[in-house]
PDB file of all heavy atoms in Angstrom:
ATOM      1  N   ALA A   1       8.600   9.099  12.044  1.00  0.00           N
ATOM      2  CA  ALA A   1       7.173   9.124  12.246  1.00  0.00           C
ATOM      3  C   ALA A   1       6.496   7.803  11.869  1.00  0.00           C
ATOM      4  O   ALA A   1       5.252   7.573  12.189  1.00  0.00           O
ATOM      5  CB  ALA A   1       6.524  10.169  11.528  1.00  0.00           C
ATOM      6  N   MET A   2       7.174   6.957  11.130  1.00  0.00           N
ATOM      7  CA  MET A   2       6.617   5.672  10.604  1.00  0.00           C
ATOM      8  C   MET A   2       7.025   4.431  11.563  1.00  0.00           C
ATOM      9  O   MET A   2       6.665   3.357  11.365  1.00  0.00           O
ATOM     10  CB  MET A   2       7.174   5.303   9.238  1.00  0.00           C
ATOM     11  CG  MET A   2       6.715   6.377   8.187  1.00  0.00           C
ATOM     12  SD  MET A   2       7.497   5.994   6.691  1.00  0.00           S
ATOM     13  CE  MET A   2       7.024   7.343   5.607  1.00  0.00           C
ATOM     14  N   VAL A   3       7.722   4.716  12.679  1.00  0.00           N
ATOM     15  CA  VAL A   3       8.239   3.661  13.537  1.00  0.00           C
ATOM     16  C   VAL A   3       7.259   3.553  14.754  1.00  0.00           C
ATOM     17  O   VAL A   3       6.865   4.558  15.350  1.00  0.00           O
ATOM     18  CB  VAL A   3       9.636   3.986  13.944  1.00  0.00           C
ATOM     19  CG1 VAL A   3      10.089   2.948  14.963  1.00  0.00           C
ATOM     20  CG2 VAL A   3      10.559   3.982  12.718  1.00  0.00           C
ATOM     21  N   ASN A   4       6.866   2.193  15.212  1.00  0.00           N
ATOM     22  CA  ASN A   4       6.029   2.099  16.160  1.00  0.00           C
ATOM     23  C   ASN A   4       6.746   1.994  17.641  1.00  0.00           C
ATOM     24  O   ASN A   4       7.959   2.271  17.620  1.00  0.00           O
ATOM     25  CB  ASN A   4       5.222   0.710  16.036  1.00  0.00           C
ATOM     26  CG  ASN A   4       6.123  -0.436  16.049  1.00  0.00           C
ATOM     27  OD1 ASN A   4       7.167  -0.543  16.597  1.00  0.00           O
ATOM     28  ND2 ASN A   4       5.493  -1.582  15.356  1.00  0.00           N
ATOM     29  N   GLY A   5       6.159   1.654  18.738  1.00  0.00           N
ATOM     30  CA  GLY A   5       6.677   1.679  19.988  1.00  0.00           C
ATOM     31  C   GLY A   5       7.845   0.610  20.134  1.00  0.00           C
ATOM     32  O   GLY A   5       8.533   0.540  21.246  1.00  0.00           O
ATOM     33  N   PHE A   6       8.004  -0.267  19.179  1.00  0.00           N
ATOM     34  CA  PHE A   6       9.051  -1.437  19.227  1.00  0.00           C
ATOM     35  C   PHE A   6      10.186  -0.998  18.447  1.00  0.00           C
ATOM     36  O   PHE A   6      11.172  -1.845  18.300  1.00  0.00           O
ATOM     37  CB  PHE A   6       8.472  -2.747  18.906  1.00  0.00           C
ATOM     38  CG  PHE A   6       7.288  -3.108  19.718  1.00  0.00           C
ATOM     39  CD1 PHE A   6       5.991  -3.266  19.271  1.00  0.00           C
ATOM     40  CD2 PHE A   6       7.536  -3.542  21.067  1.00  0.00           C
ATOM     41  CE1 PHE A   6       4.966  -3.593  20.111  1.00  0.00           C
ATOM     42  CE2 PHE A   6       6.444  -3.856  21.965  1.00  0.00           C
ATOM     43  CZ  PHE A   6       5.165  -3.959  21.405  1.00  0.00           C
ATOM     44  N   GLY A   7      10.244   0.145  17.897  1.00  0.00           N
ATOM     45  CA  GLY A   7      11.263   0.546  16.930  1.00  0.00           C
ATOM     46  C   GLY A   7      11.322  -0.032  15.591  1.00  0.00           C
ATOM     47  O   GLY A   7      12.211  -0.011  14.904  1.00  0.00           O
ATOM     48  N   LEU A   8      10.137  -0.620  15.225  1.00  0.00           N
ATOM     49  CA  LEU A   8       9.942  -1.128  13.894  1.00  0.00           C
ATOM     50  C   LEU A   8       8.987  -0.392  13.022  1.00  0.00           C
ATOM     51  O   LEU A   8       8.215   0.353  13.547  1.00  0.00           O
ATOM     52  CB  LEU A   8       9.265  -2.614  14.095  1.00  0.00           C
ATOM     53  CG  LEU A   8      10.003  -3.567  15.096  1.00  0.00           C
ATOM     54  CD1 LEU A   8       9.203  -4.846  15.255  1.00  0.00           C
ATOM     55  CD2 LEU A   8      11.386  -3.766  14.560  1.00  0.00           C
ATOM     56  N   ALA A   9       9.200  -0.476  11.705  1.00  0.00           N
ATOM     57  CA  ALA A   9       8.224   0.224  10.778  1.00  0.00           C
ATOM     58  C   ALA A   9       6.890  -0.313  11.041  1.00  0.00           C
ATOM     59  O   ALA A   9       6.645  -1.486  11.055  1.00  0.00           O
ATOM     60  CB  ALA A   9       8.647   0.011   9.443  1.00  0.00           C
ATOM     61  N   HIS A  10       5.955   0.589  11.305  1.00  0.00           N
ATOM     62  CA  HIS A  10       4.564   0.220  11.507  1.00  0.00           C
ATOM     63  C   HIS A  10       4.000  -0.592  10.284  1.00  0.00           C
ATOM     64  O   HIS A  10       4.200  -0.077   9.190  1.00  0.00           O
ATOM     65  CB  HIS A  10       3.685   1.509  11.777  1.00  0.00           C
ATOM     66  CG  HIS A  10       2.325   1.187  12.266  1.00  0.00           C
ATOM     67  ND1 HIS A  10       1.310   0.713  11.521  1.00  0.00           N
ATOM     68  CD2 HIS A  10       1.837   1.413  13.456  1.00  0.00           C
ATOM     69  CE1 HIS A  10       0.272   0.662  12.108  1.00  0.00           C
ATOM     70  NE2 HIS A  10       0.511   1.032  13.455  1.00  0.00           N
ATOM     71  N   GLY A  11       3.337  -1.629  10.450  1.00  0.00           N
ATOM     72  CA  GLY A  11       2.774  -2.377   9.411  1.00  0.00           C
ATOM     73  C   GLY A  11       1.915  -1.554   8.485  1.00  0.00           C
ATOM     74  O   GLY A  11       1.827  -1.864   7.292  1.00  0.00           O
ATOM     75  N   GLY A  12       1.127  -0.619   8.998  1.00  0.00           N
ATOM     76  CA  GLY A  12       0.339   0.191   8.186  1.00  0.00           C
ATOM     77  C   GLY A  12       1.014   0.894   7.120  1.00  0.00           C
ATOM     78  O   GLY A  12       0.601   1.094   5.942  1.00  0.00           O
ATOM     79  N   TYR A  13       2.253   1.469   7.367  1.00  0.00           N
ATOM     80  CA  TYR A  13       3.071   2.135   6.436  1.00  0.00           C
ATOM     81  C   TYR A  13       3.612   1.097   5.303  1.00  0.00           C
ATOM     82  O   TYR A  13       3.653   1.433   4.119  1.00  0.00           O
ATOM     83  CB  TYR A  13       4.282   2.794   7.115  1.00  0.00           C
ATOM     84  CG  TYR A  13       3.685   4.056   7.738  1.00  0.00           C
ATOM     85  CD1 TYR A  13       3.674   4.120   9.187  1.00  0.00           C
ATOM     86  CD2 TYR A  13       3.258   5.178   7.185  1.00  0.00           C
ATOM     87  CE1 TYR A  13       3.215   5.235   9.860  1.00  0.00           C
ATOM     88  CE2 TYR A  13       2.877   6.362   7.788  1.00  0.00           C
ATOM     89  CZ  TYR A  13       2.812   6.386   9.059  1.00  0.00           C
ATOM     90  OH  TYR A  13       2.278   7.464   9.723  1.00  0.00           O
ATOM     91  N   LEU A  14       4.001  -0.100   5.778  1.00  0.00           N
ATOM     92  CA  LEU A  14       4.446  -1.160   4.770  1.00  0.00           C
ATOM     93  C   LEU A  14       3.171  -1.513   3.898  1.00  0.00           C
ATOM     94  O   LEU A  14       3.407  -1.574   2.630  1.00  0.00           O
ATOM     95  CB  LEU A  14       4.944  -2.257   5.610  1.00  0.00           C
ATOM     96  CG  LEU A  14       6.062  -2.088   6.546  1.00  0.00           C
ATOM     97  CD1 LEU A  14       6.444  -3.386   7.203  1.00  0.00           C
ATOM     98  CD2 LEU A  14       7.211  -1.524   5.901  1.00  0.00           C
ATOM     99  N   PHE A  15       2.092  -1.677   4.415  1.00  0.00           N
ATOM    100  CA  PHE A  15       0.906  -1.895   3.590  1.00  0.00           C
ATOM    101  C   PHE A  15       0.661  -0.776   2.632  1.00  0.00           C
ATOM    102  O   PHE A  15       0.402  -0.953   1.450  1.00  0.00           O
ATOM    103  CB  PHE A  15      -0.330  -2.122   4.524  1.00  0.00           C
ATOM    104  CG  PHE A  15      -1.557  -2.571   3.817  1.00  0.00           C
ATOM    105  CD1 PHE A  15      -1.928  -3.866   3.718  1.00  0.00           C
ATOM    106  CD2 PHE A  15      -2.432  -1.577   3.150  1.00  0.00           C
ATOM    107  CE1 PHE A  15      -3.058  -4.275   2.928  1.00  0.00           C
ATOM    108  CE2 PHE A  15      -3.551  -2.016   2.482  1.00  0.00           C
ATOM    109  CZ  PHE A  15      -3.891  -3.314   2.395  1.00  0.00           C
ATOM    110  N   LEU A  16       0.789   0.466   3.097  1.00  0.00           N
ATOM    111  CA  LEU A  16       0.503   1.686   2.294  1.00  0.00           C
ATOM    112  C   LEU A  16       1.455   1.640   1.145  1.00  0.00           C
ATOM    113  O   LEU A  16       1.193   1.974   0.008  1.00  0.00           O
ATOM    114  CB  LEU A  16       0.607   2.950   3.211  1.00  0.00           C
ATOM    115  CG  LEU A  16       0.305   4.205   2.446  1.00  0.00           C
ATOM    116  CD1 LEU A  16      -0.440   5.021   3.403  1.00  0.00           C
ATOM    117  CD2 LEU A  16       1.535   4.957   1.927  1.00  0.00           C
ATOM    118  N   LEU A  17       2.771   1.381   1.349  1.00  0.00           N
ATOM    119  CA  LEU A  17       3.807   1.347   0.335  1.00  0.00           C
ATOM    120  C   LEU A  17       3.402   0.365  -0.743  1.00  0.00           C
ATOM    121  O   LEU A  17       3.419   0.641  -1.962  1.00  0.00           O
ATOM    122  CB  LEU A  17       5.129   1.146   0.847  1.00  0.00           C
ATOM    123  CG  LEU A  17       6.230   0.955  -0.186  1.00  0.00           C
ATOM    124  CD1 LEU A  17       6.432   2.187  -0.986  1.00  0.00           C
ATOM    125  CD2 LEU A  17       7.515   0.556   0.527  1.00  0.00           C
ATOM    126  N   ALA A  18       3.066  -0.920  -0.311  1.00  0.00           N
ATOM    127  CA  ALA A  18       2.676  -1.914  -1.187  1.00  0.00           C
ATOM    128  C   ALA A  18       1.403  -1.546  -1.974  1.00  0.00           C
ATOM    129  O   ALA A  18       1.290  -1.695  -3.163  1.00  0.00           O
ATOM    130  CB  ALA A  18       2.442  -3.231  -0.538  1.00  0.00           C
ATOM    131  N   ASP A  19       0.483  -1.062  -1.254  1.00  0.00           N
ATOM    132  CA  ASP A  19      -0.833  -0.536  -1.805  1.00  0.00           C
ATOM    133  C   ASP A  19      -0.656   0.548  -2.924  1.00  0.00           C
ATOM    134  O   ASP A  19      -1.323   0.565  -3.967  1.00  0.00           O
ATOM    135  CB  ASP A  19      -1.747  -0.056  -0.659  1.00  0.00           C
ATOM    136  CG  ASP A  19      -3.172   0.251  -1.368  1.00  0.00           C
ATOM    137  OD1 ASP A  19      -3.677  -0.665  -1.961  1.00  0.00           O
ATOM    138  OD2 ASP A  19      -3.696   1.301  -0.996  1.00  0.00           O
ATOM    139  N   THR A  20       0.393   1.362  -2.723  1.00  0.00           N
ATOM    140  CA  THR A  20       0.622   2.431  -3.688  1.00  0.00           C
ATOM    141  C   THR A  20       1.232   1.834  -4.917  1.00  0.00           C
ATOM    142  O   THR A  20       0.883   2.229  -6.057  1.00  0.00           O
ATOM    143  CB  THR A  20       1.694   3.403  -2.980  1.00  0.00           C
ATOM    144  OG1 THR A  20       1.145   3.995  -1.852  1.00  0.00           O
ATOM    145  CG2 THR A  20       2.090   4.557  -4.025  1.00  0.00           C
ATOM    146  N   ALA A  21       2.211   0.864  -4.828  1.00  0.00           N
ATOM    147  CA  ALA A  21       2.681   0.251  -6.145  1.00  0.00           C
ATOM    148  C   ALA A  21       1.517  -0.508  -6.803  1.00  0.00           C
ATOM    149  O   ALA A  21       1.488  -0.465  -8.008  1.00  0.00           O
ATOM    150  CB  ALA A  21       3.914  -0.687  -5.689  1.00  0.00           C
ATOM    151  N   PHE A  22       0.779  -1.175  -6.060  1.00  0.00           N
ATOM    152  CA  PHE A  22      -0.512  -1.842  -6.625  1.00  0.00           C
ATOM    153  C   PHE A  22      -1.329  -0.933  -7.332  1.00  0.00           C
ATOM    154  O   PHE A  22      -1.694  -1.190  -8.567  1.00  0.00           O
ATOM    155  CB  PHE A  22      -1.137  -2.501  -5.440  1.00  0.00           C
ATOM    156  CG  PHE A  22      -2.608  -2.873  -5.733  1.00  0.00           C
ATOM    157  CD1 PHE A  22      -2.903  -3.860  -6.660  1.00  0.00           C
ATOM    158  CD2 PHE A  22      -3.670  -2.349  -4.962  1.00  0.00           C
ATOM    159  CE1 PHE A  22      -4.371  -4.201  -6.866  1.00  0.00           C
ATOM    160  CE2 PHE A  22      -4.900  -2.653  -5.120  1.00  0.00           C
ATOM    161  CZ  PHE A  22      -5.257  -3.587  -6.029  1.00  0.00           C
ATOM    162  N   ALA A  23      -1.623   0.292  -6.783  1.00  0.00           N
ATOM    163  CA  ALA A  23      -2.515   1.221  -7.387  1.00  0.00           C
ATOM    164  C   ALA A  23      -1.980   1.707  -8.721  1.00  0.00           C
ATOM    165  O   ALA A  23      -2.639   1.911  -9.713  1.00  0.00           O
ATOM    166  CB  ALA A  23      -2.706   2.390  -6.383  1.00  0.00           C
ATOM    167  N   TYR A  24      -0.651   1.973  -8.757  1.00  0.00           N
ATOM    168  CA  TYR A  24      -0.009   2.500 -10.061  1.00  0.00           C
ATOM    169  C   TYR A  24       0.053   1.392 -11.073  1.00  0.00           C
ATOM    170  O   TYR A  24      -0.185   1.675 -12.256  1.00  0.00           O
ATOM    171  CB  TYR A  24       1.326   3.118  -9.661  1.00  0.00           C
ATOM    172  CG  TYR A  24       1.212   4.430  -9.172  1.00  0.00           C
ATOM    173  CD1 TYR A  24       0.939   4.683  -7.842  1.00  0.00           C
ATOM    174  CD2 TYR A  24       1.440   5.622  -9.920  1.00  0.00           C
ATOM    175  CE1 TYR A  24       0.841   5.944  -7.278  1.00  0.00           C
ATOM    176  CE2 TYR A  24       1.211   6.939  -9.388  1.00  0.00           C
ATOM    177  CZ  TYR A  24       0.932   7.068  -8.113  1.00  0.00           C
ATOM    178  OH  TYR A  24       0.777   8.400  -7.627  1.00  0.00           O
ATOM    179  N   ALA A  25       0.161   0.157 -10.652  1.00  0.00           N
ATOM    180  CA  ALA A  25       0.324  -0.938 -11.642  1.00  0.00           C
ATOM    181  C   ALA A  25      -1.177  -1.166 -12.223  1.00  0.00           C
ATOM    182  O   ALA A  25      -1.322  -1.366 -13.388  1.00  0.00           O
ATOM    183  CB  ALA A  25       0.819  -2.220 -10.949  1.00  0.00           C
ATOM    184  N   CYS A  26      -2.172  -1.230 -11.363  1.00  0.00           N
ATOM    185  CA  CYS A  26      -3.449  -1.521 -11.830  1.00  0.00           C
ATOM    186  C   CYS A  26      -4.160  -0.346 -12.599  1.00  0.00           C
ATOM    187  O   CYS A  26      -5.191  -0.515 -13.290  1.00  0.00           O
ATOM    188  CB  CYS A  26      -4.336  -2.135 -10.765  1.00  0.00           C
ATOM    189  SG  CYS A  26      -4.839  -1.194  -9.444  1.00  0.00           S
ATOM    190  N   ASN A  27      -3.682   0.834 -12.558  1.00  0.00           N
ATOM    191  CA  ASN A  27      -4.170   1.938 -13.206  1.00  0.00           C
ATOM    192  C   ASN A  27      -3.428   2.293 -14.509  1.00  0.00           C
ATOM    193  O   ASN A  27      -3.555   3.343 -15.111  1.00  0.00           O
ATOM    194  CB  ASN A  27      -4.220   3.183 -12.300  1.00  0.00           C
ATOM    195  CG  ASN A  27      -5.482   3.085 -11.520  1.00  0.00           C
ATOM    196  OD1 ASN A  27      -6.525   3.446 -11.829  1.00  0.00           O
ATOM    197  ND2 ASN A  27      -5.297   2.684 -10.227  1.00  0.00           N
ATOM    198  N   SER A  28      -2.334   1.518 -14.830  1.00  0.00           N
ATOM    199  CA  SER A  28      -1.510   1.700 -15.833  1.00  0.00           C
ATOM    200  C   SER A  28      -2.058   1.648 -17.276  1.00  0.00           C
ATOM    201  O   SER A  28      -1.360   2.152 -18.183  1.00  0.00           O
ATOM    202  CB  SER A  28      -0.341   0.749 -15.842  1.00  0.00           C
ATOM    203  OG  SER A  28      -0.691  -0.480 -16.025  1.00  0.00           O
ATOM    204  N   ARG A  29      -3.284   1.253 -17.372  1.00  0.00           N
ATOM    205  CA  ARG A  29      -3.887   1.118 -18.724  1.00  0.00           C
ATOM    206  C   ARG A  29      -5.033   2.103 -18.947  1.00  0.00           C
ATOM    207  O   ARG A  29      -5.827   1.881 -19.820  1.00  0.00           O
ATOM    208  CB  ARG A  29      -4.434  -0.339 -18.929  1.00  0.00           C
ATOM    209  CG  ARG A  29      -3.124  -1.271 -19.012  1.00  0.00           C
ATOM    210  CD  ARG A  29      -3.744  -2.738 -19.441  1.00  0.00           C
ATOM    211  NE  ARG A  29      -2.596  -3.563 -19.653  1.00  0.00           N
ATOM    212  CZ  ARG A  29      -2.108  -4.275 -18.793  1.00  0.00           C
ATOM    213  NH1 ARG A  29      -2.452  -4.271 -17.449  1.00  0.00           N
ATOM    214  NH2 ARG A  29      -1.002  -5.093 -19.063  1.00  0.00           N
ATOM    215  N   ASP A  30      -4.932   3.154 -18.161  1.00  0.00           N
ATOM    216  CA  ASP A  30      -5.841   4.366 -18.382  1.00  0.00           C
ATOM    217  C   ASP A  30      -7.373   3.992 -18.232  1.00  0.00           C
ATOM    218  O   ASP A  30      -8.223   4.522 -18.661  1.00  0.00           O
ATOM    219  CB  ASP A  30      -5.792   4.947 -19.825  1.00  0.00           C
ATOM    220  CG  ASP A  30      -6.484   6.264 -19.881  1.00  0.00           C
ATOM    221  OD1 ASP A  30      -6.691   6.955 -18.873  1.00  0.00           O
ATOM    222  OD2 ASP A  30      -6.795   6.709 -20.994  1.00  0.00           O
ATOM    223  N   SER A  31      -7.561   3.125 -17.129  1.00  0.00           N
ATOM    224  CA  SER A  31      -8.856   2.709 -16.636  1.00  0.00           C
ATOM    225  C   SER A  31      -8.811   2.932 -15.170  1.00  0.00           C
ATOM    226  O   SER A  31      -8.032   2.154 -14.430  1.00  0.00           O
ATOM    227  CB  SER A  31      -9.262   1.301 -17.048  1.00  0.00           C
ATOM    228  OG  SER A  31     -10.527   1.028 -16.631  1.00  0.00           O
ATOM    229  N   VAL A  32      -9.582   3.781 -14.568  1.00  0.00           N
ATOM    230  CA  VAL A  32      -9.505   3.925 -13.023  1.00  0.00           C
ATOM    231  C   VAL A  32      -9.904   2.683 -12.429  1.00  0.00           C
ATOM    232  O   VAL A  32     -10.951   2.018 -12.653  1.00  0.00           O
ATOM    233  CB  VAL A  32     -10.531   5.191 -12.618  1.00  0.00           C
ATOM    234  CG1 VAL A  32     -10.599   5.240 -11.132  1.00  0.00           C
ATOM    235  CG2 VAL A  32     -10.056   6.431 -13.202  1.00  0.00           C
ATOM    236  N   THR A  33      -8.942   2.260 -11.597  1.00  0.00           N
ATOM    237  CA  THR A  33      -9.180   0.893 -10.965  1.00  0.00           C
ATOM    238  C   THR A  33      -8.904   1.079  -9.457  1.00  0.00           C
ATOM    239  O   THR A  33      -7.906   1.721  -9.149  1.00  0.00           O
ATOM    240  CB  THR A  33      -8.110  -0.143 -11.546  1.00  0.00           C
ATOM    241  OG1 THR A  33      -8.328  -0.304 -12.934  1.00  0.00           O
ATOM    242  CG2 THR A  33      -8.379  -1.523 -10.840  1.00  0.00           C
ATOM    243  N   VAL A  34      -9.816   0.608  -8.614  1.00  0.00           N
ATOM    244  CA  VAL A  34      -9.605   0.720  -7.172  1.00  0.00           C
ATOM    245  C   VAL A  34      -9.521  -0.606  -6.542  1.00  0.00           C
ATOM    246  O   VAL A  34      -9.991  -1.670  -7.125  1.00  0.00           O
ATOM    247  CB  VAL A  34     -10.888   1.514  -6.585  1.00  0.00           C
ATOM    248  CG1 VAL A  34     -10.980   2.943  -7.129  1.00  0.00           C
ATOM    249  CG2 VAL A  34     -12.138   0.778  -6.827  1.00  0.00           C
ATOM    250  N   ALA A  35      -8.994  -0.705  -5.362  1.00  0.00           N
ATOM    251  CA  ALA A  35      -8.866  -1.917  -4.633  1.00  0.00           C
ATOM    252  C   ALA A  35     -10.188  -2.525  -4.289  1.00  0.00           C
ATOM    253  O   ALA A  35     -11.030  -1.736  -3.623  1.00  0.00           O
ATOM    254  CB  ALA A  35      -7.958  -1.728  -3.371  1.00  0.00           C
ATOM    255  N   ALA A  36     -10.369  -3.778  -4.517  1.00  0.00           N
ATOM    256  CA  ALA A  36     -11.554  -4.566  -4.140  1.00  0.00           C
ATOM    257  C   ALA A  36     -11.163  -5.444  -2.895  1.00  0.00           C
ATOM    258  O   ALA A  36     -12.041  -5.709  -2.026  1.00  0.00           O
ATOM    259  CB  ALA A  36     -12.107  -5.520  -5.264  1.00  0.00           C
ATOM    260  N   ALA A  37      -9.922  -5.782  -2.788  1.00  0.00           N
ATOM    261  CA  ALA A  37      -9.449  -6.569  -1.627  1.00  0.00           C
ATOM    262  C   ALA A  37      -7.891  -6.586  -1.661  1.00  0.00           C
ATOM    263  O   ALA A  37      -7.275  -6.441  -2.744  1.00  0.00           O
ATOM    264  CB  ALA A  37      -9.888  -8.084  -1.805  1.00  0.00           C
ATOM    265  N   ALA A  38      -7.428  -6.779  -0.493  1.00  0.00           N
ATOM    266  CA  ALA A  38      -5.931  -6.815  -0.343  1.00  0.00           C
ATOM    267  C   ALA A  38      -5.577  -7.486   0.882  1.00  0.00           C
ATOM    268  O   ALA A  38      -6.267  -7.425   1.911  1.00  0.00           O
ATOM    269  CB  ALA A  38      -5.357  -5.463  -0.354  1.00  0.00           C
ATOM    270  N   ASP A  39      -4.397  -8.300   0.852  1.00  0.00           N
ATOM    271  CA  ASP A  39      -3.840  -9.037   1.925  1.00  0.00           C
ATOM    272  C   ASP A  39      -2.411  -8.752   1.998  1.00  0.00           C
ATOM    273  O   ASP A  39      -1.798  -8.583   0.901  1.00  0.00           O
ATOM    274  CB  ASP A  39      -4.060 -10.607   1.699  1.00  0.00           C
ATOM    275  CG  ASP A  39      -5.579 -10.918   1.817  1.00  0.00           C
ATOM    276  OD1 ASP A  39      -6.214 -10.734   2.862  1.00  0.00           O
ATOM    277  OD2 ASP A  39      -6.047 -11.567   0.871  1.00  0.00           O
ATOM    278  N   VAL A  40      -1.873  -8.862   3.101  1.00  0.00           N
ATOM    279  CA  VAL A  40      -0.417  -8.702   3.235  1.00  0.00           C
ATOM    280  C   VAL A  40       0.110  -9.645   4.407  1.00  0.00           C
ATOM    281  O   VAL A  40      -0.540 -10.072   5.269  1.00  0.00           O
ATOM    282  CB  VAL A  40      -0.052  -7.322   3.704  1.00  0.00           C
ATOM    283  CG1 VAL A  40      -0.533  -6.984   5.067  1.00  0.00           C
ATOM    284  CG2 VAL A  40       1.476  -6.911   3.578  1.00  0.00           C
TER     285      VAL A  40
END
């Protein structure tokens, strides 16, 4: 379900995985932190 028409992982899913790790890292000090910007 994550593969596009070229048989490659869709970039949106790769971004989502990275964004998830980012979210858990920046919320690790018990202060709700949300993304202000992101690049991939």
